[in-house]
Amino acid sequence: MAALDTNILVRWLIKDDAKQCARVAKLFDEAISKDERLFVTTTVMQEVEWVMQTKYHFDRPQVTAALNALMNVMELTFQTEQALEQ
């Protein structure tokens, strides 16, 4: 199981760089085709939240919606999913 870093998830959520976003989409597609899951640590989720708030100036509801969207991606598995849901 491959682990994802903050940059990959931010690129997928923000879509601010078409080339990098396409690479992330390809990574997700490859995981689907191989029936694999991609691992996301709690630290990475905290960093995603921080980047979205400080660099992209998302407000709390926008960040929450983005993190919920990530948690609904079937190809992803999270280190502490129950804690993140709370």
PDB file of N, CA and C in Angstrom:
ATOM      1  N   MET A   1       0.849  -1.172   0.000  1.00  0.00           N
ATOM      2  CA  MET A   1       0.000   0.000   0.000  1.00  0.00           C
ATOM      3  C   MET A   1       0.901   1.244   0.000  1.00  0.00           C
ATOM      4  N   ALA A   2       0.687   2.095  -0.967  1.00  0.00           N
ATOM      5  CA  ALA A   2       1.464   3.326  -1.077  1.00  0.00           C
ATOM      6  C   ALA A   2       0.868   4.402  -0.179  1.00  0.00           C
ATOM      7  N   ALA A   3       1.724   5.230   0.394  1.00  0.00           N
ATOM      8  CA  ALA A   3       1.279   6.351   1.230  1.00  0.00           C
ATOM      9  C   ALA A   3       1.342   7.640   0.413  1.00  0.00           C
ATOM     10  N   LEU A   4       0.373   8.492   0.632  1.00  0.00           N
ATOM     11  CA  LEU A   4       0.312   9.762  -0.083  1.00  0.00           C
ATOM     12  C   LEU A   4       0.820  10.892   0.802  1.00  0.00           C
ATOM     13  N   ASP A   5       1.384  11.913   0.156  1.00  0.00           N
ATOM     14  CA  ASP A   5       1.835  13.069   0.923  1.00  0.00           C
ATOM     15  C   ASP A   5       0.859  14.232   0.744  1.00  0.00           C
ATOM     16  N   THR A   6       1.094  15.270   1.480  1.00  0.00           N
ATOM     17  CA  THR A   6       0.216  16.434   1.487  1.00  0.00           C
ATOM     18  C   THR A   6       0.074  17.044   0.103  1.00  0.00           C
ATOM     19  N   ASN A   7       1.175  17.196  -0.616  1.00  0.00           N
ATOM     20  CA  ASN A   7       1.160  17.828  -1.931  1.00  0.00           C
ATOM     21  C   ASN A   7       0.201  17.119  -2.882  1.00  0.00           C
ATOM     22  N   ILE A   8       0.213  15.800  -2.867  1.00  0.00           N
ATOM     23  CA  ILE A   8      -0.653  15.039  -3.769  1.00  0.00           C
ATOM     24  C   ILE A   8      -2.122  15.341  -3.473  1.00  0.00           C
ATOM     25  N   LEU A   9      -2.482  15.316  -2.217  1.00  0.00           N
ATOM     26  CA  LEU A   9      -3.884  15.556  -1.865  1.00  0.00           C
ATOM     27  C   LEU A   9      -4.305  16.997  -2.121  1.00  0.00           C
ATOM     28  N   VAL A  10      -3.428  17.941  -1.836  1.00  0.00           N
ATOM     29  CA  VAL A  10      -3.759  19.346  -2.101  1.00  0.00           C
ATOM     30  C   VAL A  10      -3.939  19.570  -3.596  1.00  0.00           C
ATOM     31  N   ARG A  11      -3.066  19.014  -4.418  1.00  0.00           N
ATOM     32  CA  ARG A  11      -3.195  19.165  -5.882  1.00  0.00           C
ATOM     33  C   ARG A  11      -4.533  18.628  -6.358  1.00  0.00           C
ATOM     34  N   TRP A  12      -4.941  17.471  -5.822  1.00  0.00           N
ATOM     35  CA  TRP A  12      -6.204  16.852  -6.235  1.00  0.00           C
ATOM     36  C   TRP A  12      -7.395  17.705  -5.799  1.00  0.00           C
ATOM     37  N   LEU A  13      -7.338  18.270  -4.603  1.00  0.00           N
ATOM     38  CA  LEU A  13      -8.443  19.075  -4.089  1.00  0.00           C
ATOM     39  C   LEU A  13      -8.529  20.449  -4.753  1.00  0.00           C
ATOM     40  N   ILE A  14      -7.399  21.107  -4.887  1.00  0.00           N
ATOM     41  CA  ILE A  14      -7.372  22.495  -5.358  1.00  0.00           C
ATOM     42  C   ILE A  14      -7.399  22.593  -6.883  1.00  0.00           C
ATOM     43  N   LYS A  15      -6.770  21.640  -7.544  1.00  0.00           N
ATOM     44  CA  LYS A  15      -6.699  21.613  -9.016  1.00  0.00           C
ATOM     45  C   LYS A  15      -6.080  22.904  -9.572  1.00  0.00           C
ATOM     46  N   ASP A  16      -5.017  23.380  -8.924  1.00  0.00           N
ATOM     47  CA  ASP A  16      -4.377  24.626  -9.339  1.00  0.00           C
ATOM     48  C   ASP A  16      -3.245  24.423 -10.341  1.00  0.00           C
ATOM     49  N   ASP A  17      -2.905  23.182 -10.616  1.00  0.00           N
ATOM     50  CA  ASP A  17      -1.857  22.867 -11.590  1.00  0.00           C
ATOM     51  C   ASP A  17      -2.353  21.673 -12.397  1.00  0.00           C
ATOM     52  N   ALA A  18      -2.769  21.921 -13.624  1.00  0.00           N
ATOM     53  CA  ALA A  18      -3.404  20.884 -14.449  1.00  0.00           C
ATOM     54  C   ALA A  18      -2.507  19.659 -14.635  1.00  0.00           C
ATOM     55  N   LYS A  19      -1.219  19.879 -14.844  1.00  0.00           N
ATOM     56  CA  LYS A  19      -0.298  18.766 -15.071  1.00  0.00           C
ATOM     57  C   LYS A  19      -0.181  17.887 -13.827  1.00  0.00           C
ATOM     58  N   GLN A  20      -0.007  18.516 -12.666  1.00  0.00           N
ATOM     59  CA  GLN A  20       0.110  17.740 -11.428  1.00  0.00           C
ATOM     60  C   GLN A  20      -1.215  17.074 -11.070  1.00  0.00           C
ATOM     61  N   CYS A  21      -2.308  17.750 -11.310  1.00  0.00           N
ATOM     62  CA  CYS A  21      -3.618  17.173 -11.027  1.00  0.00           C
ATOM     63  C   CYS A  21      -3.851  15.931 -11.893  1.00  0.00           C
ATOM     64  N   ALA A  22      -3.434  15.991 -13.138  1.00  0.00           N
ATOM     65  CA  ALA A  22      -3.569  14.835 -14.032  1.00  0.00           C
ATOM     66  C   ALA A  22      -2.730  13.661 -13.529  1.00  0.00           C
ATOM     67  N   ARG A  23      -1.562  13.952 -12.995  1.00  0.00           N
ATOM     68  CA  ARG A  23      -0.713  12.887 -12.441  1.00  0.00           C
ATOM     69  C   ARG A  23      -1.376  12.229 -11.234  1.00  0.00           C
ATOM     70  N   VAL A  24      -2.019  13.031 -10.393  1.00  0.00           N
ATOM     71  CA  VAL A  24      -2.720  12.484  -9.231  1.00  0.00           C
ATOM     72  C   VAL A  24      -3.907  11.638  -9.697  1.00  0.00           C
ATOM     73  N   ALA A  25      -4.650  12.118 -10.667  1.00  0.00           N
ATOM     74  CA  ALA A  25      -5.787  11.356 -11.196  1.00  0.00           C
ATOM     75  C   ALA A  25      -5.307  10.015 -11.755  1.00  0.00           C
ATOM     76  N   LYS A  26      -4.168  10.027 -12.422  1.00  0.00           N
ATOM     77  CA  LYS A  26      -3.599   8.782 -12.961  1.00  0.00           C
ATOM     78  C   LYS A  26      -3.233   7.835 -11.819  1.00  0.00           C
ATOM     79  N   LEU A  27      -2.657   8.366 -10.757  1.00  0.00           N
ATOM     80  CA  LEU A  27      -2.305   7.551  -9.588  1.00  0.00           C
ATOM     81  C   LEU A  27      -3.551   6.895  -8.998  1.00  0.00           C
ATOM     82  N   PHE A  28      -4.622   7.671  -8.863  1.00  0.00           N
ATOM     83  CA  PHE A  28      -5.884   7.125  -8.346  1.00  0.00           C
ATOM     84  C   PHE A  28      -6.434   6.064  -9.299  1.00  0.00           C
ATOM     85  N   ASP A  29      -6.393   6.333 -10.603  1.00  0.00           N
ATOM     86  CA  ASP A  29      -6.884   5.369 -11.592  1.00  0.00           C
ATOM     87  C   ASP A  29      -6.103   4.060 -11.538  1.00  0.00           C
ATOM     88  N   GLU A  30      -4.787   4.166 -11.366  1.00  0.00           N
ATOM     89  CA  GLU A  30      -3.956   2.958 -11.266  1.00  0.00           C
ATOM     90  C   GLU A  30      -4.318   2.160 -10.016  1.00  0.00           C
ATOM     91  N   ALA A  31      -4.584   2.846  -8.925  1.00  0.00           N
ATOM     92  CA  ALA A  31      -4.984   2.153  -7.698  1.00  0.00           C
ATOM     93  C   ALA A  31      -6.301   1.411  -7.920  1.00  0.00           C
ATOM     94  N   ILE A  32      -7.235   2.053  -8.598  1.00  0.00           N
ATOM     95  CA  ILE A  32      -8.520   1.419  -8.889  1.00  0.00           C
ATOM     96  C   ILE A  32      -8.318   0.182  -9.757  1.00  0.00           C
ATOM     97  N   SER A  33      -7.521   0.320 -10.810  1.00  0.00           N
ATOM     98  CA  SER A  33      -7.329  -0.806 -11.733  1.00  0.00           C
ATOM     99  C   SER A  33      -6.626  -1.988 -11.072  1.00  0.00           C
ATOM    100  N   LYS A  34      -5.818  -1.727 -10.058  1.00  0.00           N
ATOM    101  CA  LYS A  34      -5.099  -2.796  -9.349  1.00  0.00           C
ATOM    102  C   LYS A  34      -5.836  -3.225  -8.074  1.00  0.00           C
ATOM    103  N   ASP A  35      -7.005  -2.622  -7.834  1.00  0.00           N
ATOM    104  CA  ASP A  35      -7.784  -2.887  -6.625  1.00  0.00           C
ATOM    105  C   ASP A  35      -6.935  -2.661  -5.369  1.00  0.00           C
ATOM    106  N   GLU A  36      -6.185  -1.557  -5.378  1.00  0.00           N
ATOM    107  CA  GLU A  36      -5.318  -1.190  -4.256  1.00  0.00           C
ATOM    108  C   GLU A  36      -5.888   0.030  -3.541  1.00  0.00           C
ATOM    109  N   ARG A  37      -5.452   0.193  -2.311  1.00  0.00           N
ATOM    110  CA  ARG A  37      -5.816   1.361  -1.524  1.00  0.00           C
ATOM    111  C   ARG A  37      -4.563   2.203  -1.303  1.00  0.00           C
ATOM    112  N   LEU A  38      -4.735   3.507  -1.211  1.00  0.00           N
ATOM    113  CA  LEU A  38      -3.646   4.436  -0.941  1.00  0.00           C
ATOM    114  C   LEU A  38      -3.806   4.933   0.487  1.00  0.00           C
ATOM    115  N   PHE A  39      -2.712   4.986   1.231  1.00  0.00           N
ATOM    116  CA  PHE A  39      -2.735   5.274   2.666  1.00  0.00           C
ATOM    117  C   PHE A  39      -2.473   6.749   2.941  1.00  0.00           C
ATOM    118  N   VAL A  40      -3.262   7.313   3.857  1.00  0.00           N
ATOM    119  CA  VAL A  40      -3.110   8.711   4.254  1.00  0.00           C
ATOM    120  C   VAL A  40      -2.938   8.756   5.776  1.00  0.00           C
ATOM    121  N   THR A  41      -1.829   9.331   6.215  1.00  0.00           N
ATOM    122  CA  THR A  41      -1.584   9.439   7.658  1.00  0.00           C
ATOM    123  C   THR A  41      -2.373  10.610   8.246  1.00  0.00           C
ATOM    124  N   THR A  42      -2.516  10.587   9.537  1.00  0.00           N
ATOM    125  CA  THR A  42      -3.193  11.672  10.250  1.00  0.00           C
ATOM    126  C   THR A  42      -2.423  12.980  10.069  1.00  0.00           C
ATOM    127  N   THR A  43      -1.107  12.901  10.116  1.00  0.00           N
ATOM    128  CA  THR A  43      -0.280  14.099   9.934  1.00  0.00           C
ATOM    129  C   THR A  43      -0.522  14.740   8.576  1.00  0.00           C
ATOM    130  N   VAL A  44      -0.639  13.931   7.547  1.00  0.00           N
ATOM    131  CA  VAL A  44      -0.897  14.464   6.201  1.00  0.00           C
ATOM    132  C   VAL A  44      -2.253  15.172   6.175  1.00  0.00           C
ATOM    133  N   MET A  45      -3.259  14.593   6.796  1.00  0.00           N
ATOM    134  CA  MET A  45      -4.573  15.245   6.818  1.00  0.00           C
ATOM    135  C   MET A  45      -4.505  16.580   7.570  1.00  0.00           C
ATOM    136  N   GLN A  46      -3.738  16.633   8.650  1.00  0.00           N
ATOM    137  CA  GLN A  46      -3.577  17.889   9.380  1.00  0.00           C
ATOM    138  C   GLN A  46      -2.863  18.923   8.518  1.00  0.00           C
ATOM    139  N   GLU A  47      -1.866  18.484   7.764  1.00  0.00           N
ATOM    140  CA  GLU A  47      -1.148  19.402   6.878  1.00  0.00           C
ATOM    141  C   GLU A  47      -2.049  19.898   5.750  1.00  0.00           C
ATOM    142  N   VAL A  48      -2.883  19.029   5.208  1.00  0.00           N
ATOM    143  CA  VAL A  48      -3.829  19.443   4.164  1.00  0.00           C
ATOM    144  C   VAL A  48      -4.738  20.541   4.707  1.00  0.00           C
ATOM    145  N   GLU A  49      -5.249  20.330   5.903  1.00  0.00           N
ATOM    146  CA  GLU A  49      -6.103  21.345   6.534  1.00  0.00           C
ATOM    147  C   GLU A  49      -5.348  22.669   6.681  1.00  0.00           C
ATOM    148  N   TRP A  50      -4.136  22.603   7.166  1.00  0.00           N
ATOM    149  CA  TRP A  50      -3.332  23.810   7.389  1.00  0.00           C
ATOM    150  C   TRP A  50      -3.061  24.546   6.072  1.00  0.00           C
ATOM    151  N   VAL A  51      -2.676  23.817   5.037  1.00  0.00           N
ATOM    152  CA  VAL A  51      -2.382  24.432   3.735  1.00  0.00           C
ATOM    153  C   VAL A  51      -3.629  25.094   3.159  1.00  0.00           C
ATOM    154  N   MET A  52      -4.751  24.414   3.260  1.00  0.00           N
ATOM    155  CA  MET A  52      -5.979  24.982   2.710  1.00  0.00           C
ATOM    156  C   MET A  52      -6.383  26.267   3.438  1.00  0.00           C
ATOM    157  N   GLN A  53      -6.158  26.314   4.739  1.00  0.00           N
ATOM    158  CA  GLN A  53      -6.515  27.510   5.501  1.00  0.00           C
ATOM    159  C   GLN A  53      -5.516  28.645   5.299  1.00  0.00           C
ATOM    160  N   THR A  54      -4.219  28.338   5.320  1.00  0.00           N
ATOM    161  CA  THR A  54      -3.219  29.403   5.297  1.00  0.00           C
ATOM    162  C   THR A  54      -2.820  29.843   3.892  1.00  0.00           C
ATOM    163  N   LYS A  55      -2.652  28.911   2.981  1.00  0.00           N
ATOM    164  CA  LYS A  55      -2.220  29.273   1.623  1.00  0.00           C
ATOM    165  C   LYS A  55      -3.395  29.644   0.718  1.00  0.00           C
ATOM    166  N   TYR A  56      -4.475  28.888   0.827  1.00  0.00           N
ATOM    167  CA  TYR A  56      -5.613  29.092  -0.069  1.00  0.00           C
ATOM    168  C   TYR A  56      -6.775  29.836   0.587  1.00  0.00           C
ATOM    169  N   HIS A  57      -6.657  30.136   1.864  1.00  0.00           N
ATOM    170  CA  HIS A  57      -7.625  30.947   2.613  1.00  0.00           C
ATOM    171  C   HIS A  57      -9.043  30.372   2.591  1.00  0.00           C
ATOM    172  N   PHE A  58      -9.138  29.053   2.655  1.00  0.00           N
ATOM    173  CA  PHE A  58     -10.434  28.405   2.776  1.00  0.00           C
ATOM    174  C   PHE A  58     -10.943  28.635   4.196  1.00  0.00           C
ATOM    175  N   ASP A  59     -12.245  28.837   4.327  1.00  0.00           N
ATOM    176  CA  ASP A  59     -12.812  28.957   5.670  1.00  0.00           C
ATOM    177  C   ASP A  59     -13.124  27.550   6.210  1.00  0.00           C
ATOM    178  N   ARG A  60     -13.522  27.483   7.478  1.00  0.00           N
ATOM    179  CA  ARG A  60     -13.746  26.201   8.151  1.00  0.00           C
ATOM    180  C   ARG A  60     -14.737  25.301   7.384  1.00  0.00           C
ATOM    181  N   PRO A  61     -15.908  25.812   6.951  1.00  0.00           N
ATOM    182  CA  PRO A  61     -16.836  24.940   6.219  1.00  0.00           C
ATOM    183  C   PRO A  61     -16.247  24.405   4.907  1.00  0.00           C
ATOM    184  N   GLN A  62     -15.463  25.219   4.210  1.00  0.00           N
ATOM    185  CA  GLN A  62     -14.831  24.760   2.973  1.00  0.00           C
ATOM    186  C   GLN A  62     -13.800  23.665   3.241  1.00  0.00           C
ATOM    187  N   VAL A  63     -13.010  23.847   4.298  1.00  0.00           N
ATOM    188  CA  VAL A  63     -12.008  22.844   4.666  1.00  0.00           C
ATOM    189  C   VAL A  63     -12.695  21.544   5.060  1.00  0.00           C
ATOM    190  N   THR A  64     -13.738  21.661   5.867  1.00  0.00           N
ATOM    191  CA  THR A  64     -14.471  20.474   6.305  1.00  0.00           C
ATOM    192  C   THR A  64     -15.051  19.731   5.108  1.00  0.00           C
ATOM    193  N   ALA A  65     -15.616  20.454   4.162  1.00  0.00           N
ATOM    194  CA  ALA A  65     -16.175  19.828   2.956  1.00  0.00           C
ATOM    195  C   ALA A  65     -15.083  19.118   2.150  1.00  0.00           C
ATOM    196  N   ALA A  66     -13.931  19.752   2.025  1.00  0.00           N
ATOM    197  CA  ALA A  66     -12.822  19.150   1.277  1.00  0.00           C
ATOM    198  C   ALA A  66     -12.312  17.885   1.961  1.00  0.00           C
ATOM    199  N   LEU A  67     -12.156  17.938   3.274  1.00  0.00           N
ATOM    200  CA  LEU A  67     -11.676  16.762   4.005  1.00  0.00           C
ATOM    201  C   LEU A  67     -12.709  15.639   3.952  1.00  0.00           C
ATOM    202  N   ASN A  68     -13.984  15.981   4.030  1.00  0.00           N
ATOM    203  CA  ASN A  68     -15.028  14.969   3.889  1.00  0.00           C
ATOM    204  C   ASN A  68     -15.000  14.340   2.498  1.00  0.00           C
ATOM    205  N   ALA A  69     -14.747  15.163   1.479  1.00  0.00           N
ATOM    206  CA  ALA A  69     -14.647  14.628   0.114  1.00  0.00           C
ATOM    207  C   ALA A  69     -13.501  13.621   0.023  1.00  0.00           C
ATOM    208  N   LEU A  70     -12.377  13.949   0.635  1.00  0.00           N
ATOM    209  CA  LEU A  70     -11.241  13.012   0.645  1.00  0.00           C
ATOM    210  C   LEU A  70     -11.612  11.706   1.322  1.00  0.00           C
ATOM    211  N   MET A  71     -12.308  11.819   2.436  1.00  0.00           N
ATOM    212  CA  MET A  71     -12.642  10.623   3.197  1.00  0.00           C
ATOM    213  C   MET A  71     -13.651   9.738   2.470  1.00  0.00           C
ATOM    214  N   ASN A  72     -14.307  10.275   1.461  1.00  0.00           N
ATOM    215  CA  ASN A  72     -15.256   9.493   0.669  1.00  0.00           C
ATOM    216  C   ASN A  72     -14.639   8.874  -0.578  1.00  0.00           C
ATOM    217  N   VAL A  73     -13.353   9.111  -0.793  1.00  0.00           N
ATOM    218  CA  VAL A  73     -12.670   8.508  -1.946  1.00  0.00           C
ATOM    219  C   VAL A  73     -12.359   7.054  -1.610  1.00  0.00           C
ATOM    220  N   MET A  74     -12.931   6.166  -2.367  1.00  0.00           N
ATOM    221  CA  MET A  74     -12.829   4.732  -2.064  1.00  0.00           C
ATOM    222  C   MET A  74     -11.397   4.204  -2.133  1.00  0.00           C
ATOM    223  N   GLU A  75     -10.540   4.830  -2.914  1.00  0.00           N
ATOM    224  CA  GLU A  75      -9.162   4.356  -3.067  1.00  0.00           C
ATOM    225  C   GLU A  75      -8.280   4.714  -1.870  1.00  0.00           C
ATOM    226  N   LEU A  76      -8.789   5.538  -0.972  1.00  0.00           N
ATOM    227  CA  LEU A  76      -7.986   5.995   0.159  1.00  0.00           C
ATOM    228  C   LEU A  76      -8.365   5.269   1.439  1.00  0.00           C
ATOM    229  N   THR A  77      -7.347   5.005   2.240  1.00  0.00           N
ATOM    230  CA  THR A  77      -7.567   4.493   3.592  1.00  0.00           C
ATOM    231  C   THR A  77      -6.793   5.400   4.541  1.00  0.00           C
ATOM    232  N   PHE A  78      -7.361   5.643   5.715  1.00  0.00           N
ATOM    233  CA  PHE A  78      -6.809   6.636   6.622  1.00  0.00           C
ATOM    234  C   PHE A  78      -6.294   5.993   7.909  1.00  0.00           C
ATOM    235  N   GLN A  79      -5.226   6.563   8.414  1.00  0.00           N
ATOM    236  CA  GLN A  79      -4.582   6.054   9.621  1.00  0.00           C
ATOM    237  C   GLN A  79      -5.555   6.028  10.805  1.00  0.00           C
ATOM    238  N   THR A  80      -6.262   7.101  11.021  1.00  0.00           N
ATOM    239  CA  THR A  80      -7.181   7.187  12.161  1.00  0.00           C
ATOM    240  C   THR A  80      -8.531   7.721  11.667  1.00  0.00           C
ATOM    241  N   GLU A  81      -9.220   6.929  10.888  1.00  0.00           N
ATOM    242  CA  GLU A  81     -10.445   7.397  10.251  1.00  0.00           C
ATOM    243  C   GLU A  81     -11.500   7.855  11.258  1.00  0.00           C
ATOM    244  N   GLN A  82     -11.684   7.132  12.338  1.00  0.00           N
ATOM    245  CA  GLN A  82     -12.697   7.533  13.327  1.00  0.00           C
ATOM    246  C   GLN A  82     -12.379   8.889  13.936  1.00  0.00           C
ATOM    247  N   ALA A  83     -11.127   9.141  14.248  1.00  0.00           N
ATOM    248  CA  ALA A  83     -10.735  10.432  14.813  1.00  0.00           C
ATOM    249  C   ALA A  83     -10.944  11.548  13.802  1.00  0.00           C
ATOM    250  N   LEU A  84     -10.650  11.291  12.549  1.00  0.00           N
ATOM    251  CA  LEU A  84     -10.832  12.301  11.512  1.00  0.00           C
ATOM    252  C   LEU A  84     -12.311  12.628  11.304  1.00  0.00           C
ATOM    253  N   GLU A  85     -13.145  11.630  11.405  1.00  0.00           N
ATOM    254  CA  GLU A  85     -14.584  11.869  11.224  1.00  0.00           C
ATOM    255  C   GLU A  85     -15.137  12.787  12.310  1.00  0.00           C
ATOM    256  N   GLN A  86     -14.566  12.699  13.502  1.00  0.00           N
ATOM    257  CA  GLN A  86     -15.026  13.550  14.593  1.00  0.00           C
ATOM    258  C   GLN A  86     -14.533  14.962  14.398  1.00  0.00           C
TER     259      GLN A  86
END
